[in-house]
mmCIF file of all heavy atoms, coordinates in Angstrom:
data_MODEL
# 
_entry.id   MODEL 
# 
loop_
_atom_site.group_PDB 
_atom_site.id 
_atom_site.type_symbol 
_atom_site.label_atom_id 
_atom_site.label_alt_id 
_atom_site.label_comp_id 
_atom_site.label_asym_id 
_atom_site.label_entity_id 
_atom_site.label_seq_id 
_atom_site.pdbx_PDB_ins_code 
_atom_site.Cartn_x 
_atom_site.Cartn_y 
_atom_site.Cartn_z 
_atom_site.occupancy 
_atom_site.B_iso_or_equiv 
_atom_site.pdbx_formal_charge 
_atom_site.auth_seq_id 
_atom_site.auth_comp_id 
_atom_site.auth_asym_id 
_atom_site.auth_atom_id 
_atom_site.pdbx_PDB_model_num 
ATOM 1   N N   . VAL A 1 1  ? 134.284 209.285 214.656 1.00 0.00 ? 1  VAL A N   1 
ATOM 2   C CA  . VAL A 1 1  ? 133.156 208.906 213.809 1.00 0.00 ? 1  VAL A CA  1 
ATOM 3   C C   . VAL A 1 1  ? 132.174 210.075 213.716 1.00 0.00 ? 1  VAL A C   1 
ATOM 4   O O   . VAL A 1 1  ? 132.089 210.921 214.612 1.00 0.00 ? 1  VAL A O   1 
ATOM 5   C CB  . VAL A 1 1  ? 132.434 207.657 214.360 1.00 0.00 ? 1  VAL A CB  1 
ATOM 6   C CG1 . VAL A 1 1  ? 133.358 206.463 214.340 1.00 0.00 ? 1  VAL A CG1 1 
ATOM 7   C CG2 . VAL A 1 1  ? 131.920 207.906 215.780 1.00 0.00 ? 1  VAL A CG2 1 
ATOM 8   N N   . GLY A 1 2  ? 131.468 210.090 212.620 1.00 0.00 ? 2  GLY A N   1 
ATOM 9   C CA  . GLY A 1 2  ? 130.468 211.130 212.429 1.00 0.00 ? 2  GLY A CA  1 
ATOM 10  C C   . GLY A 1 2  ? 129.278 210.923 213.344 1.00 0.00 ? 2  GLY A C   1 
ATOM 11  O O   . GLY A 1 2  ? 128.877 209.791 213.633 1.00 0.00 ? 2  GLY A O   1 
ATOM 12  N N   . ARG A 1 3  ? 128.715 212.006 213.794 1.00 0.00 ? 3  ARG A N   1 
ATOM 13  C CA  . ARG A 1 3  ? 127.542 211.928 214.637 1.00 0.00 ? 3  ARG A CA  1 
ATOM 14  C C   . ARG A 1 3  ? 126.304 211.719 213.781 1.00 0.00 ? 3  ARG A C   1 
ATOM 15  O O   . ARG A 1 3  ? 126.274 212.059 212.594 1.00 0.00 ? 3  ARG A O   1 
ATOM 16  C CB  . ARG A 1 3  ? 127.408 213.202 215.470 1.00 0.00 ? 3  ARG A CB  1 
ATOM 17  C CG  . ARG A 1 3  ? 128.568 213.442 216.420 1.00 0.00 ? 3  ARG A CG  1 
ATOM 18  C CD  . ARG A 1 3  ? 128.386 214.756 217.159 1.00 0.00 ? 3  ARG A CD  1 
ATOM 19  N NE  . ARG A 1 3  ? 127.155 214.750 217.930 1.00 0.00 ? 3  ARG A NE  1 
ATOM 20  C CZ  . ARG A 1 3  ? 126.558 215.842 218.412 1.00 0.00 ? 3  ARG A CZ  1 
ATOM 21  N NH1 . ARG A 1 3  ? 127.075 217.038 218.152 1.00 0.00 ? 3  ARG A NH1 1 
ATOM 22  N NH2 . ARG A 1 3  ? 125.450 215.758 219.117 1.00 0.00 ? 3  ARG A NH2 1 
ATOM 23  N N   . LEU A 1 4  ? 125.270 211.144 214.388 1.00 0.00 ? 4  LEU A N   1 
ATOM 24  C CA  . LEU A 1 4  ? 124.049 210.825 213.666 1.00 0.00 ? 4  LEU A CA  1 
ATOM 25  C C   . LEU A 1 4  ? 122.844 211.432 214.362 1.00 0.00 ? 4  LEU A C   1 
ATOM 26  O O   . LEU A 1 4  ? 122.816 211.570 215.592 1.00 0.00 ? 4  LEU A O   1 
ATOM 27  C CB  . LEU A 1 4  ? 123.859 209.307 213.565 1.00 0.00 ? 4  LEU A CB  1 
ATOM 28  C CG  . LEU A 1 4  ? 124.937 208.522 212.814 1.00 0.00 ? 4  LEU A CG  1 
ATOM 29  C CD1 . LEU A 1 4  ? 124.706 207.036 212.974 1.00 0.00 ? 4  LEU A CD1 1 
ATOM 30  C CD2 . LEU A 1 4  ? 124.929 208.905 211.339 1.00 0.00 ? 4  LEU A CD2 1 
ATOM 31  N N   . LEU A 1 5  ? 121.858 211.779 213.559 1.00 0.00 ? 5  LEU A N   1 
ATOM 32  C CA  . LEU A 1 5  ? 120.573 212.231 214.063 1.00 0.00 ? 5  LEU A CA  1 
ATOM 33  C C   . LEU A 1 5  ? 119.546 211.193 213.643 1.00 0.00 ? 5  LEU A C   1 
ATOM 34  O O   . LEU A 1 5  ? 119.316 210.980 212.457 1.00 0.00 ? 5  LEU A O   1 
ATOM 35  C CB  . LEU A 1 5  ? 120.215 213.604 213.481 1.00 0.00 ? 5  LEU A CB  1 
ATOM 36  C CG  . LEU A 1 5  ? 118.870 214.198 213.900 1.00 0.00 ? 5  LEU A CG  1 
ATOM 37  C CD1 . LEU A 1 5  ? 118.833 214.448 215.403 1.00 0.00 ? 5  LEU A CD1 1 
ATOM 38  C CD2 . LEU A 1 5  ? 118.589 215.491 213.140 1.00 0.00 ? 5  LEU A CD2 1 
ATOM 39  N N   . THR A 1 6  ? 118.942 210.508 214.612 1.00 0.00 ? 6  THR A N   1 
ATOM 40  C CA  . THR A 1 6  ? 118.004 209.423 214.320 1.00 0.00 ? 6  THR A CA  1 
ATOM 41  C C   . THR A 1 6  ? 116.570 209.923 214.470 1.00 0.00 ? 6  THR A C   1 
ATOM 42  O O   . THR A 1 6  ? 116.181 210.427 215.524 1.00 0.00 ? 6  THR A O   1 
ATOM 43  C CB  . THR A 1 6  ? 118.245 208.232 215.249 1.00 0.00 ? 6  THR A CB  1 
ATOM 44  O OG1 . THR A 1 6  ? 119.602 207.780 215.094 1.00 0.00 ? 6  THR A OG1 1 
ATOM 45  C CG2 . THR A 1 6  ? 117.306 207.085 214.914 1.00 0.00 ? 6  THR A CG2 1 
ATOM 46  N N   . LEU A 1 7  ? 115.798 209.766 213.401 1.00 0.00 ? 7  LEU A N   1 
ATOM 47  C CA  . LEU A 1 7  ? 114.415 210.233 213.364 1.00 0.00 ? 7  LEU A CA  1 
ATOM 48  C C   . LEU A 1 7  ? 113.538 209.175 212.708 1.00 0.00 ? 7  LEU A C   1 
ATOM 49  O O   . LEU A 1 7  ? 114.032 208.220 212.099 1.00 0.00 ? 7  LEU A O   1 
ATOM 50  C CB  . LEU A 1 7  ? 114.313 211.540 212.569 1.00 0.00 ? 7  LEU A CB  1 
ATOM 51  C CG  . LEU A 1 7  ? 115.125 212.739 213.077 1.00 0.00 ? 7  LEU A CG  1 
ATOM 52  C CD1 . LEU A 1 7  ? 115.131 213.834 212.025 1.00 0.00 ? 7  LEU A CD1 1 
ATOM 53  C CD2 . LEU A 1 7  ? 114.540 213.261 214.377 1.00 0.00 ? 7  LEU A CD2 1 
ATOM 54  N N   . ALA A 1 8  ? 112.235 209.358 212.839 1.00 0.00 ? 8  ALA A N   1 
ATOM 55  C CA  . ALA A 1 8  ? 111.287 208.479 212.154 1.00 0.00 ? 8  ALA A CA  1 
ATOM 56  C C   . ALA A 1 8  ? 111.035 209.006 210.752 1.00 0.00 ? 8  ALA A C   1 
ATOM 57  O O   . ALA A 1 8  ? 111.097 210.213 210.499 1.00 0.00 ? 8  ALA A O   1 
ATOM 58  C CB  . ALA A 1 8  ? 109.980 208.393 212.932 1.00 0.00 ? 8  ALA A CB  1 
ATOM 59  N N   . GLY A 1 9  ? 110.768 208.093 209.828 1.00 0.00 ? 9  GLY A N   1 
ATOM 60  C CA  . GLY A 1 9  ? 110.471 208.470 208.454 1.00 0.00 ? 9  GLY A CA  1 
ATOM 61  C C   . GLY A 1 9  ? 109.331 207.641 207.898 1.00 0.00 ? 9  GLY A C   1 
ATOM 62  O O   . GLY A 1 9  ? 108.904 206.646 208.509 1.00 0.00 ? 9  GLY A O   1 
ATOM 63  N N   . ASP A 1 10 ? 108.830 208.044 206.730 1.00 0.00 ? 10 ASP A N   1 
ATOM 64  C CA  . ASP A 1 10 ? 107.754 207.339 206.038 1.00 0.00 ? 10 ASP A CA  1 
ATOM 65  C C   . ASP A 1 10 ? 108.235 206.907 204.671 1.00 0.00 ? 10 ASP A C   1 
ATOM 66  O O   . ASP A 1 10 ? 108.911 207.669 203.975 1.00 0.00 ? 10 ASP A O   1 
ATOM 67  C CB  . ASP A 1 10 ? 106.525 208.236 205.865 1.00 0.00 ? 10 ASP A CB  1 
ATOM 68  C CG  . ASP A 1 10 ? 106.001 208.760 207.185 1.00 0.00 ? 10 ASP A CG  1 
ATOM 69  O OD1 . ASP A 1 10 ? 105.519 207.945 207.976 1.00 0.00 ? 10 ASP A OD1 1 
ATOM 70  O OD2 . ASP A 1 10 ? 106.063 209.983 207.414 1.00 0.00 ? 10 ASP A OD2 1 
ATOM 71  N N   . LEU A 1 11 ? 107.884 205.682 204.286 1.00 0.00 ? 11 LEU A N   1 
ATOM 72  C CA  . LEU A 1 11 ? 108.204 205.213 202.938 1.00 0.00 ? 11 LEU A CA  1 
ATOM 73  C C   . LEU A 1 11 ? 107.138 205.698 201.968 1.00 0.00 ? 11 LEU A C   1 
ATOM 74  O O   . LEU A 1 11 ? 105.938 205.591 202.233 1.00 0.00 ? 11 LEU A O   1 
ATOM 75  C CB  . LEU A 1 11 ? 108.282 203.684 202.912 1.00 0.00 ? 11 LEU A CB  1 
ATOM 76  C CG  . LEU A 1 11 ? 109.390 203.048 203.752 1.00 0.00 ? 11 LEU A CG  1 
ATOM 77  C CD1 . LEU A 1 11 ? 109.429 201.544 203.517 1.00 0.00 ? 11 LEU A CD1 1 
ATOM 78  C CD2 . LEU A 1 11 ? 110.745 203.657 203.424 1.00 0.00 ? 11 LEU A CD2 1 
ATOM 79  N N   . LEU A 1 12 ? 107.588 206.235 200.839 1.00 0.00 ? 12 LEU A N   1 
ATOM 80  C CA  . LEU A 1 12 ? 106.702 206.777 199.825 1.00 0.00 ? 12 LEU A CA  1 
ATOM 81  C C   . LEU A 1 12 ? 106.939 206.102 198.489 1.00 0.00 ? 12 LEU A C   1 
ATOM 82  O O   . LEU A 1 12 ? 108.018 205.569 198.228 1.00 0.00 ? 12 LEU A O   1 
ATOM 83  C CB  . LEU A 1 12 ? 106.928 208.288 199.658 1.00 0.00 ? 12 LEU A CB  1 
ATOM 84  C CG  . LEU A 1 12 ? 106.861 209.155 200.904 1.00 0.00 ? 12 LEU A CG  1 
ATOM 85  C CD1 . LEU A 1 12 ? 107.231 210.589 200.541 1.00 0.00 ? 12 LEU A CD1 1 
ATOM 86  C CD2 . LEU A 1 12 ? 105.484 209.116 201.525 1.00 0.00 ? 12 LEU A CD2 1 
ATOM 87  N N   . LEU A 1 13 ? 105.935 206.155 197.648 1.00 0.00 ? 13 LEU A N   1 
ATOM 88  C CA  . LEU A 1 13 ? 106.044 205.627 196.295 1.00 0.00 ? 13 LEU A CA  1 
ATOM 89  C C   . LEU A 1 13 ? 106.268 206.777 195.333 1.00 0.00 ? 13 LEU A C   1 
ATOM 90  O O   . LEU A 1 13 ? 105.359 207.581 195.097 1.00 0.00 ? 13 LEU A O   1 
ATOM 91  C CB  . LEU A 1 13 ? 104.771 204.872 195.909 1.00 0.00 ? 13 LEU A CB  1 
ATOM 92  C CG  . LEU A 1 13 ? 104.721 204.296 194.499 1.00 0.00 ? 13 LEU A CG  1 
ATOM 93  C CD1 . LEU A 1 13 ? 105.769 203.206 194.343 1.00 0.00 ? 13 LEU A CD1 1 
ATOM 94  C CD2 . LEU A 1 13 ? 103.334 203.767 194.190 1.00 0.00 ? 13 LEU A CD2 1 
ATOM 95  N N   . PRO A 1 14 ? 107.469 206.942 194.776 1.00 0.00 ? 14 PRO A N   1 
ATOM 96  C CA  . PRO A 1 14 ? 107.696 208.045 193.826 1.00 0.00 ? 14 PRO A CA  1 
ATOM 97  C C   . PRO A 1 14 ? 107.021 207.739 192.502 1.00 0.00 ? 14 PRO A C   1 
ATOM 98  O O   . PRO A 1 14 ? 107.079 206.613 192.008 1.00 0.00 ? 14 PRO A O   1 
ATOM 99  C CB  . PRO A 1 14 ? 109.220 208.077 193.695 1.00 0.00 ? 14 PRO A CB  1 
ATOM 100 C CG  . PRO A 1 14 ? 109.645 206.675 193.966 1.00 0.00 ? 14 PRO A CG  1 
ATOM 101 C CD  . PRO A 1 14 ? 108.667 206.121 194.974 1.00 0.00 ? 14 PRO A CD  1 
ATOM 102 N N   . LEU A 1 15 ? 106.406 208.758 191.918 1.00 0.00 ? 15 LEU A N   1 
ATOM 103 C CA  . LEU A 1 15 ? 105.739 208.583 190.629 1.00 0.00 ? 15 LEU A CA  1 
ATOM 104 C C   . LEU A 1 15 ? 106.580 209.089 189.475 1.00 0.00 ? 15 LEU A C   1 
ATOM 105 O O   . LEU A 1 15 ? 106.120 209.157 188.361 1.00 0.00 ? 15 LEU A O   1 
ATOM 106 C CB  . LEU A 1 15 ? 104.394 209.303 190.638 1.00 0.00 ? 15 LEU A CB  1 
ATOM 107 C CG  . LEU A 1 15 ? 103.382 208.716 191.614 1.00 0.00 ? 15 LEU A CG  1 
ATOM 108 C CD1 . LEU A 1 15 ? 102.031 209.383 191.430 1.00 0.00 ? 15 LEU A CD1 1 
ATOM 109 C CD2 . LEU A 1 15 ? 103.253 207.217 191.434 1.00 0.00 ? 15 LEU A CD2 1 
ATOM 110 N N   . ALA A 1 16 ? 107.806 209.474 189.764 1.00 0.00 ? 16 ALA A N   1 
ATOM 111 C CA  . ALA A 1 16 ? 108.728 209.870 188.703 1.00 0.00 ? 16 ALA A CA  1 
ATOM 112 C C   . ALA A 1 16 ? 110.128 209.488 189.140 1.00 0.00 ? 16 ALA A C   1 
ATOM 113 O O   . ALA A 1 16 ? 110.423 209.443 190.323 1.00 0.00 ? 16 ALA A O   1 
ATOM 114 C CB  . ALA A 1 16 ? 108.650 211.365 188.428 1.00 0.00 ? 16 ALA A CB  1 
ATOM 115 N N   . ARG A 1 17 ? 110.967 209.183 188.177 1.00 0.00 ? 17 ARG A N   1 
ATOM 116 C CA  . ARG A 1 17 ? 112.320 208.780 188.501 1.00 0.00 ? 17 ARG A CA  1 
ATOM 117 C C   . ARG A 1 17 ? 113.150 210.006 188.843 1.00 0.00 ? 17 ARG A C   1 
ATOM 118 O O   . ARG A 1 17 ? 113.332 210.901 188.009 1.00 0.00 ? 17 ARG A O   1 
ATOM 119 C CB  . ARG A 1 17 ? 112.958 208.033 187.326 1.00 0.00 ? 17 ARG A CB  1 
ATOM 120 C CG  . ARG A 1 17 ? 112.222 206.763 186.962 1.00 0.00 ? 17 ARG A CG  1 
ATOM 121 C CD  . ARG A 1 17 ? 112.985 205.995 185.887 1.00 0.00 ? 17 ARG A CD  1 
ATOM 122 N NE  . ARG A 1 17 ? 113.176 206.783 184.693 1.00 0.00 ? 17 ARG A NE  1 
ATOM 123 C CZ  . ARG A 1 17 ? 112.266 206.870 183.725 1.00 0.00 ? 17 ARG A CZ  1 
ATOM 124 N NH1 . ARG A 1 17 ? 111.125 206.249 183.837 1.00 0.00 ? 17 ARG A NH1 1 
ATOM 125 N NH2 . ARG A 1 17 ? 112.522 207.593 182.647 1.00 0.00 ? 17 ARG A NH2 1 
ATOM 126 N N   . PRO A 1 18 ? 113.694 210.092 190.072 1.00 0.00 ? 18 PRO A N   1 
ATOM 127 C CA  . PRO A 1 18 ? 114.466 211.275 190.445 1.00 0.00 ? 18 PRO A CA  1 
ATOM 128 C C   . PRO A 1 18 ? 115.762 211.425 189.682 1.00 0.00 ? 18 PRO A C   1 
ATOM 129 O O   . PRO A 1 18 ? 116.322 212.507 189.615 1.00 0.00 ? 18 PRO A O   1 
ATOM 130 C CB  . PRO A 1 18 ? 114.730 211.049 191.944 1.00 0.00 ? 18 PRO A CB  1 
ATOM 131 C CG  . PRO A 1 18 ? 114.654 209.573 192.126 1.00 0.00 ? 18 PRO A CG  1 
ATOM 132 C CD  . PRO A 1 18 ? 113.615 209.109 191.143 1.00 0.00 ? 18 PRO A CD  1 
ATOM 133 N N   . ASP A 1 19 ? 116.264 210.345 189.067 1.00 0.00 ? 19 ASP A N   1 
ATOM 134 C CA  . ASP A 1 19 ? 117.519 210.434 188.330 1.00 0.00 ? 19 ASP A CA  1 
ATOM 135 C C   . ASP A 1 19 ? 117.296 210.750 186.854 1.00 0.00 ? 19 ASP A C   1 
ATOM 136 O O   . ASP A 1 19 ? 118.239 210.823 186.085 1.00 0.00 ? 19 ASP A O   1 
ATOM 137 C CB  . ASP A 1 19 ? 118.305 209.121 188.467 1.00 0.00 ? 19 ASP A CB  1 
ATOM 138 C CG  . ASP A 1 19 ? 117.499 207.921 188.000 1.00 0.00 ? 19 ASP A CG  1 
ATOM 139 O OD1 . ASP A 1 19 ? 116.273 208.057 187.842 1.00 0.00 ? 19 ASP A OD1 1 
ATOM 140 O OD2 . ASP A 1 19 ? 118.099 206.850 187.815 1.00 0.00 ? 19 ASP A OD2 1 
ATOM 141 N N   . ASP A 1 20 ? 116.027 210.923 186.477 1.00 0.00 ? 20 ASP A N   1 
ATOM 142 C CA  . ASP A 1 20 ? 115.707 211.234 185.086 1.00 0.00 ? 20 ASP A CA  1 
ATOM 143 C C   . ASP A 1 20 ? 115.572 212.744 184.955 1.00 0.00 ? 20 ASP A C   1 
ATOM 144 O O   . ASP A 1 20 ? 114.554 213.332 185.317 1.00 0.00 ? 20 ASP A O   1 
ATOM 145 C CB  . ASP A 1 20 ? 114.399 210.540 184.679 1.00 0.00 ? 20 ASP A CB  1 
ATOM 146 C CG  . ASP A 1 20 ? 114.102 210.732 183.199 1.00 0.00 ? 20 ASP A CG  1 
ATOM 147 O OD1 . ASP A 1 20 ? 114.862 211.461 182.532 1.00 0.00 ? 20 ASP A OD1 1 
ATOM 148 O OD2 . ASP A 1 20 ? 113.109 210.165 182.719 1.00 0.00 ? 20 ASP A OD2 1 
ATOM 149 N N   . ARG A 1 21 ? 116.603 213.389 184.437 1.00 0.00 ? 21 ARG A N   1 
ATOM 150 C CA  . ARG A 1 21 ? 116.601 214.848 184.350 1.00 0.00 ? 21 ARG A CA  1 
ATOM 151 C C   . ARG A 1 21 ? 115.566 215.372 183.369 1.00 0.00 ? 21 ARG A C   1 
ATOM 152 O O   . ARG A 1 21 ? 115.148 216.531 183.446 1.00 0.00 ? 21 ARG A O   1 
ATOM 153 C CB  . ARG A 1 21 ? 118.002 215.345 183.953 1.00 0.00 ? 21 ARG A CB  1 
ATOM 154 C CG  . ARG A 1 21 ? 119.073 215.013 184.971 1.00 0.00 ? 21 ARG A CG  1 
ATOM 155 C CD  . ARG A 1 21 ? 120.437 215.484 184.496 1.00 0.00 ? 21 ARG A CD  1 
ATOM 156 N NE  . ARG A 1 21 ? 121.471 215.154 185.468 1.00 0.00 ? 21 ARG A NE  1 
ATOM 157 C CZ  . ARG A 1 21 ? 121.843 215.955 186.439 1.00 0.00 ? 21 ARG A CZ  1 
ATOM 158 N NH1 . ARG A 1 21 ? 121.262 217.122 186.579 1.00 0.00 ? 21 ARG A NH1 1 
ATOM 159 N NH2 . ARG A 1 21 ? 122.793 215.599 187.273 1.00 0.00 ? 21 ARG A NH2 1 
ATOM 160 N N   . SER A 1 22 ? 115.146 214.522 182.429 1.00 0.00 ? 22 SER A N   1 
ATOM 161 C CA  . SER A 1 22 ? 114.170 214.979 181.447 1.00 0.00 ? 22 SER A CA  1 
ATOM 162 C C   . SER A 1 22 ? 112.751 214.926 181.981 1.00 0.00 ? 22 SER A C   1 
ATOM 163 O O   . SER A 1 22 ? 111.837 215.459 181.368 1.00 0.00 ? 22 SER A O   1 
ATOM 164 C CB  . SER A 1 22 ? 114.262 214.110 180.181 1.00 0.00 ? 22 SER A CB  1 
ATOM 165 O OG  . SER A 1 22 ? 113.888 212.764 180.465 1.00 0.00 ? 22 SER A OG  1 
ATOM 166 N N   . ASN A 1 23 ? 112.553 214.281 183.120 1.00 0.00 ? 23 ASN A N   1 
ATOM 167 C CA  . ASN A 1 23 ? 111.218 214.146 183.679 1.00 0.00 ? 23 ASN A CA  1 
ATOM 168 C C   . ASN A 1 23 ? 110.919 215.349 184.555 1.00 0.00 ? 23 ASN A C   1 
ATOM 169 O O   . ASN A 1 23 ? 111.569 215.558 185.569 1.00 0.00 ? 23 ASN A O   1 
ATOM 170 C CB  . ASN A 1 23 ? 111.123 212.841 184.484 1.00 0.00 ? 23 ASN A CB  1 
ATOM 171 C CG  . ASN A 1 23 ? 109.672 212.459 184.737 1.00 0.00 ? 23 ASN A CG  1 
ATOM 172 O OD1 . ASN A 1 23 ? 108.820 213.303 184.971 1.00 0.00 ? 23 ASN A OD1 1 
ATOM 173 N ND2 . ASN A 1 23 ? 109.413 211.159 184.697 1.00 0.00 ? 23 ASN A ND2 1 
ATOM 174 N N   . ARG A 1 24 ? 109.914 216.135 184.176 1.00 0.00 ? 24 ARG A N   1 
ATOM 175 C CA  . ARG A 1 24 ? 109.581 217.338 184.924 1.00 0.00 ? 24 ARG A CA  1 
ATOM 176 C C   . ARG A 1 24 ? 108.351 217.129 185.790 1.00 0.00 ? 24 ARG A C   1 
ATOM 177 O O   . ARG A 1 24 ? 107.642 218.068 186.111 1.00 0.00 ? 24 ARG A O   1 
ATOM 178 C CB  . ARG A 1 24 ? 109.356 218.491 183.958 1.00 0.00 ? 24 ARG A CB  1 
ATOM 179 C CG  . ARG A 1 24 ? 110.598 218.875 183.186 1.00 0.00 ? 24 ARG A CG  1 
ATOM 180 C CD  . ARG A 1 24 ? 110.351 220.107 182.356 1.00 0.00 ? 24 ARG A CD  1 
ATOM 181 N NE  . ARG A 1 24 ? 109.386 219.864 181.295 1.00 0.00 ? 24 ARG A NE  1 
ATOM 182 C CZ  . ARG A 1 24 ? 109.698 219.350 180.115 1.00 0.00 ? 24 ARG A CZ  1 
ATOM 183 N NH1 . ARG A 1 24 ? 110.942 218.987 179.871 1.00 0.00 ? 24 ARG A NH1 1 
ATOM 184 N NH2 . ARG A 1 24 ? 108.776 219.174 179.198 1.00 0.00 ? 24 ARG A NH2 1 
# 
């Protein structure tokens, strides 16, 4: 099995769609 690195993270509110290539 693949090894994992477990860390803490923060949830953020994105203000632009990352899958929208036209959004700069």
